[in-house]
Amino acid sequence: MSGGVSEVHAEDIYIFDSRSAIRIKTSPGRGGYVRNVYISNMTLANIDIAIRFTGLYGEHPDEAYDPDALPLIERITIKDVIGENVKRAGLIQGIKGYDFVNICLSNISLNVSSKVPWNCSDVKGYSDLVSPEVCEPLKERIFPEHWSDCYKLPNQLKSSSDRSRGAWLRSW
């Protein structure tokens, strides 16, 4: 990734017999961004790593890259995911000193065989209803304090009166 990727909406997905289900890879020196990504209603079967983000991919097209060009990875929402026979739930590794931010995980249930289902570093975000229990940097709850930090589709934006009654929790 060297340019920019944004406003990605992926829904109603079935992934099977794969190394990774959701993958974002980049490195220092790439620059660019991945932001405003919304993935929902996904079923996984026979997957090595369900969610894999790396900021340490390491490859560059040539030697003329700018090592100070850092990629921006932000506002990635993954929700409504079920998975069977998944080896590891997530491997999310940002860039030391330059975290991936506002990674939001909601309503995820994975049958995982690894004793260490999540491995996260240099990432900040939120979660709700994630099993197995998510890694420490993503343990802070989304609702209600951080709902606005997560990327949502336009039809998911609710009025403040709806939010005050809690109606948005289940419709989110």
Protein backbone atom coordinates (compact mmCIF):
# COMPACT_ATOMS: atom_id res chain seq x y z
CA MET A 1 0.00 0.00 0.00
CA SER A 2 1.54 3.29 -1.07
CA GLY A 3 -1.42 5.45 -2.05
CA GLY A 4 -4.73 5.65 -0.31
CA VAL A 5 -7.65 3.35 0.26
CA SER A 6 -10.82 4.66 1.90
CA GLU A 7 -14.59 4.29 2.05
CA VAL A 8 -14.49 0.51 1.68
CA HIS A 9 -17.73 -1.31 2.51
CA ALA A 10 -17.74 -5.12 2.45
CA GLU A 11 -20.74 -7.09 3.68
CA ASP A 12 -22.24 -10.59 3.51
CA ILE A 13 -18.96 -12.46 3.00
CA TYR A 14 -18.10 -16.15 3.31
CA ILE A 15 -14.37 -16.98 3.47
CA PHE A 16 -13.10 -20.53 3.79
CA ASP A 17 -9.80 -22.45 3.59
CA SER A 18 -7.64 -19.32 3.69
CA ARG A 19 -4.54 -18.07 5.51
CA SER A 20 -6.16 -14.72 6.34
CA ALA A 21 -9.71 -13.44 6.15
CA ILE A 22 -9.12 -9.69 6.57
CA ARG A 23 -5.63 -8.40 5.88
CA ILE A 24 -4.04 -4.97 5.75
CA LYS A 25 -0.30 -4.74 5.15
CA THR A 26 1.99 -1.74 4.96
CA SER A 27 5.40 -0.51 6.17
CA PRO A 28 7.27 2.64 7.14
CA GLY A 29 8.36 4.23 3.89
CA ARG A 30 5.06 3.50 2.17
CA GLY A 31 3.11 6.58 3.24
CA GLY A 32 -0.51 6.65 2.16
CA TYR A 33 -3.52 5.60 4.20
CA VAL A 34 -6.21 3.01 4.81
CA ARG A 35 -9.21 4.59 6.51
CA ASN A 36 -12.98 4.39 6.78
CA VAL A 37 -13.32 0.66 6.21
CA TYR A 38 -16.51 -1.17 7.21
CA ILE A 39 -16.71 -4.96 7.12
CA SER A 40 -19.77 -6.81 8.41
CA ASN A 41 -21.75 -10.03 8.31
CA MET A 42 -18.85 -12.34 7.64
CA THR A 43 -18.70 -16.12 8.09
CA LEU A 44 -15.31 -17.83 8.31
CA ALA A 45 -14.35 -21.50 8.09
CA ASN A 46 -10.89 -23.10 8.21
CA ILE A 47 -8.91 -19.85 8.52
CA ASP A 48 -5.38 -19.45 9.91
CA ILE A 49 -5.73 -15.81 11.05
CA ALA A 50 -9.13 -14.08 10.98
CA ILE A 51 -7.89 -10.47 11.25
CA ARG A 52 -4.33 -9.63 10.28
CA PHE A 53 -2.95 -6.09 10.09
CA THR A 54 0.76 -5.44 9.85
CA GLY A 55 2.71 -2.21 9.73
CA LEU A 56 5.96 -4.13 9.36
CA TYR A 57 5.50 -5.76 5.98
CA GLY A 58 8.94 -4.60 4.88
CA GLU A 59 8.81 -4.73 1.11
CA HIS A 60 9.38 -1.65 -1.07
CA PRO A 61 9.24 -1.34 -4.85
CA ASP A 62 12.76 0.13 -5.06
CA GLU A 63 15.49 1.73 -2.95
CA ALA A 64 14.27 5.33 -3.62
CA TYR A 65 11.49 5.22 -1.00
CA ASP A 66 11.25 7.78 1.82
CA PRO A 67 11.78 5.89 5.12
CA ASP A 68 10.01 8.75 6.96
CA ALA A 69 6.77 8.34 4.99
CA LEU A 70 4.46 6.68 7.51
CA PRO A 71 1.10 5.16 6.56
CA LEU A 72 -2.10 6.19 8.34
CA ILE A 73 -4.35 3.27 9.31
CA GLU A 74 -7.55 4.48 11.00
CA ARG A 75 -11.29 3.95 11.47
CA ILE A 76 -11.54 0.28 10.57
CA THR A 77 -14.78 -1.34 11.77
CA ILE A 78 -15.30 -5.09 11.73
CA LYS A 79 -18.60 -6.43 13.07
CA ASP A 80 -20.98 -9.38 12.98
CA VAL A 81 -18.41 -12.10 12.32
CA ILE A 82 -18.66 -15.80 13.14
CA GLY A 83 -15.96 -18.37 12.54
CA GLU A 84 -15.34 -22.09 12.94
CA ASN A 85 -11.97 -23.83 12.89
CA VAL A 86 -9.97 -20.58 13.14
CA LYS A 87 -6.38 -20.98 14.34
CA ARG A 88 -5.89 -17.40 15.58
CA ALA A 89 -8.44 -14.59 16.01
CA GLY A 90 -6.13 -11.68 15.32
CA LEU A 91 -2.59 -10.53 14.71
CA ILE A 92 -2.66 -6.74 14.68
CA GLN A 93 0.74 -5.05 14.62
CA GLY A 94 1.01 -1.33 14.01
CA ILE A 95 4.20 0.69 13.74
CA LYS A 96 6.12 1.44 16.94
CA GLY A 97 5.47 5.06 17.89
CA TYR A 98 2.81 5.40 15.18
CA ASP A 99 -0.23 3.36 16.16
CA PHE A 100 -3.06 2.14 13.98
CA VAL A 101 -6.06 3.96 15.54
CA ASN A 102 -9.81 3.61 15.98
CA ILE A 103 -9.89 -0.08 15.18
CA CYS A 104 -13.40 -1.18 16.23
CA LEU A 105 -14.49 -4.78 16.67
CA SER A 106 -18.09 -5.68 17.51
CA ASN A 107 -20.17 -8.85 17.76
CA ILE A 108 -17.40 -11.26 16.78
CA SER A 109 -17.51 -14.93 17.79
CA LEU A 110 -14.67 -17.20 16.67
CA ASN A 111 -14.00 -20.83 17.54
CA VAL A 112 -10.20 -20.56 17.91
CA SER A 113 -7.62 -23.31 18.49
CA SER A 114 -4.65 -21.11 19.52
CA LYS A 115 -3.87 -20.73 23.22
CA VAL A 116 -3.02 -17.09 22.46
CA PRO A 117 -5.91 -16.06 20.17
CA TRP A 118 -4.95 -12.37 19.85
CA ASN A 119 -1.58 -10.67 19.47
CA CYS A 120 -1.71 -6.87 19.26
CA SER A 121 0.88 -4.12 19.41
CA ASP A 122 0.96 -0.46 18.48
CA VAL A 123 -2.79 -0.31 17.94
CA LYS A 124 -5.60 1.61 19.65
CA GLY A 125 -9.27 0.89 19.42
CA TYR A 126 -12.43 -0.47 20.98
CA SER A 127 -14.55 -3.58 21.14
CA ASP A 128 -17.86 -5.03 22.25
CA LEU A 129 -19.06 -8.62 22.34
CA VAL A 130 -15.83 -10.21 21.05
CA SER A 131 -14.98 -13.86 21.74
CA PRO A 132 -12.38 -15.01 22.44
CA GLU A 133 -11.54 -12.00 24.59
CA VAL A 134 -9.73 -9.37 22.56
CA CYS A 135 -6.19 -8.11 23.24
CA GLU A 136 -5.55 -5.37 25.80
CA PRO A 137 -5.17 -2.40 23.38
CA LEU A 138 -8.69 -3.08 22.02
CA LYS A 139 -10.49 -3.91 25.28
CA GLU A 140 -12.02 -0.49 25.91
CA ARG A 141 -15.75 -0.63 25.17
CA ILE A 142 -17.17 1.04 22.07
CA PHE A 143 -20.56 1.94 23.48
CA PRO A 144 -21.44 4.64 24.25
CA GLU A 145 -18.30 6.72 24.74
CA HIS A 146 -16.39 5.76 21.60
CA TRP A 147 -19.18 5.10 19.14
CA SER A 148 -18.28 8.22 17.14
CA ASP A 149 -14.65 7.02 16.76
CA CYS A 150 -15.75 3.96 14.79
CA TYR A 151 -16.50 4.07 11.09
CA LYS A 152 -20.18 3.56 10.25
CA LEU A 153 -22.23 3.56 7.11
CA PRO A 154 -24.36 6.71 6.66
CA ASN A 155 -27.64 4.87 7.35
CA GLN A 156 -26.28 3.84 10.76
CA LEU A 157 -25.98 7.37 12.04
CA LYS A 158 -28.73 7.90 14.57
CA SER A 159 -30.14 11.03 16.11
CA SER A 160 -28.95 11.95 19.57
CA SER A 161 -32.42 11.24 20.96
CA ASP A 162 -32.19 7.65 19.67
CA ARG A 163 -28.75 7.28 21.24
CA SER A 164 -29.92 8.63 24.56
CA ARG A 165 -32.52 5.85 24.75
CA GLY A 166 -29.92 3.23 23.85
CA ALA A 167 -31.82 2.20 20.72
CA TRP A 168 -28.68 2.59 18.63
CA LEU A 169 -26.84 -0.19 20.46
CA ARG A 170 -28.64 -3.05 18.71
CA SER A 171 -29.08 -1.25 15.40
CA TRP A 172 -25.41 -0.35 15.15
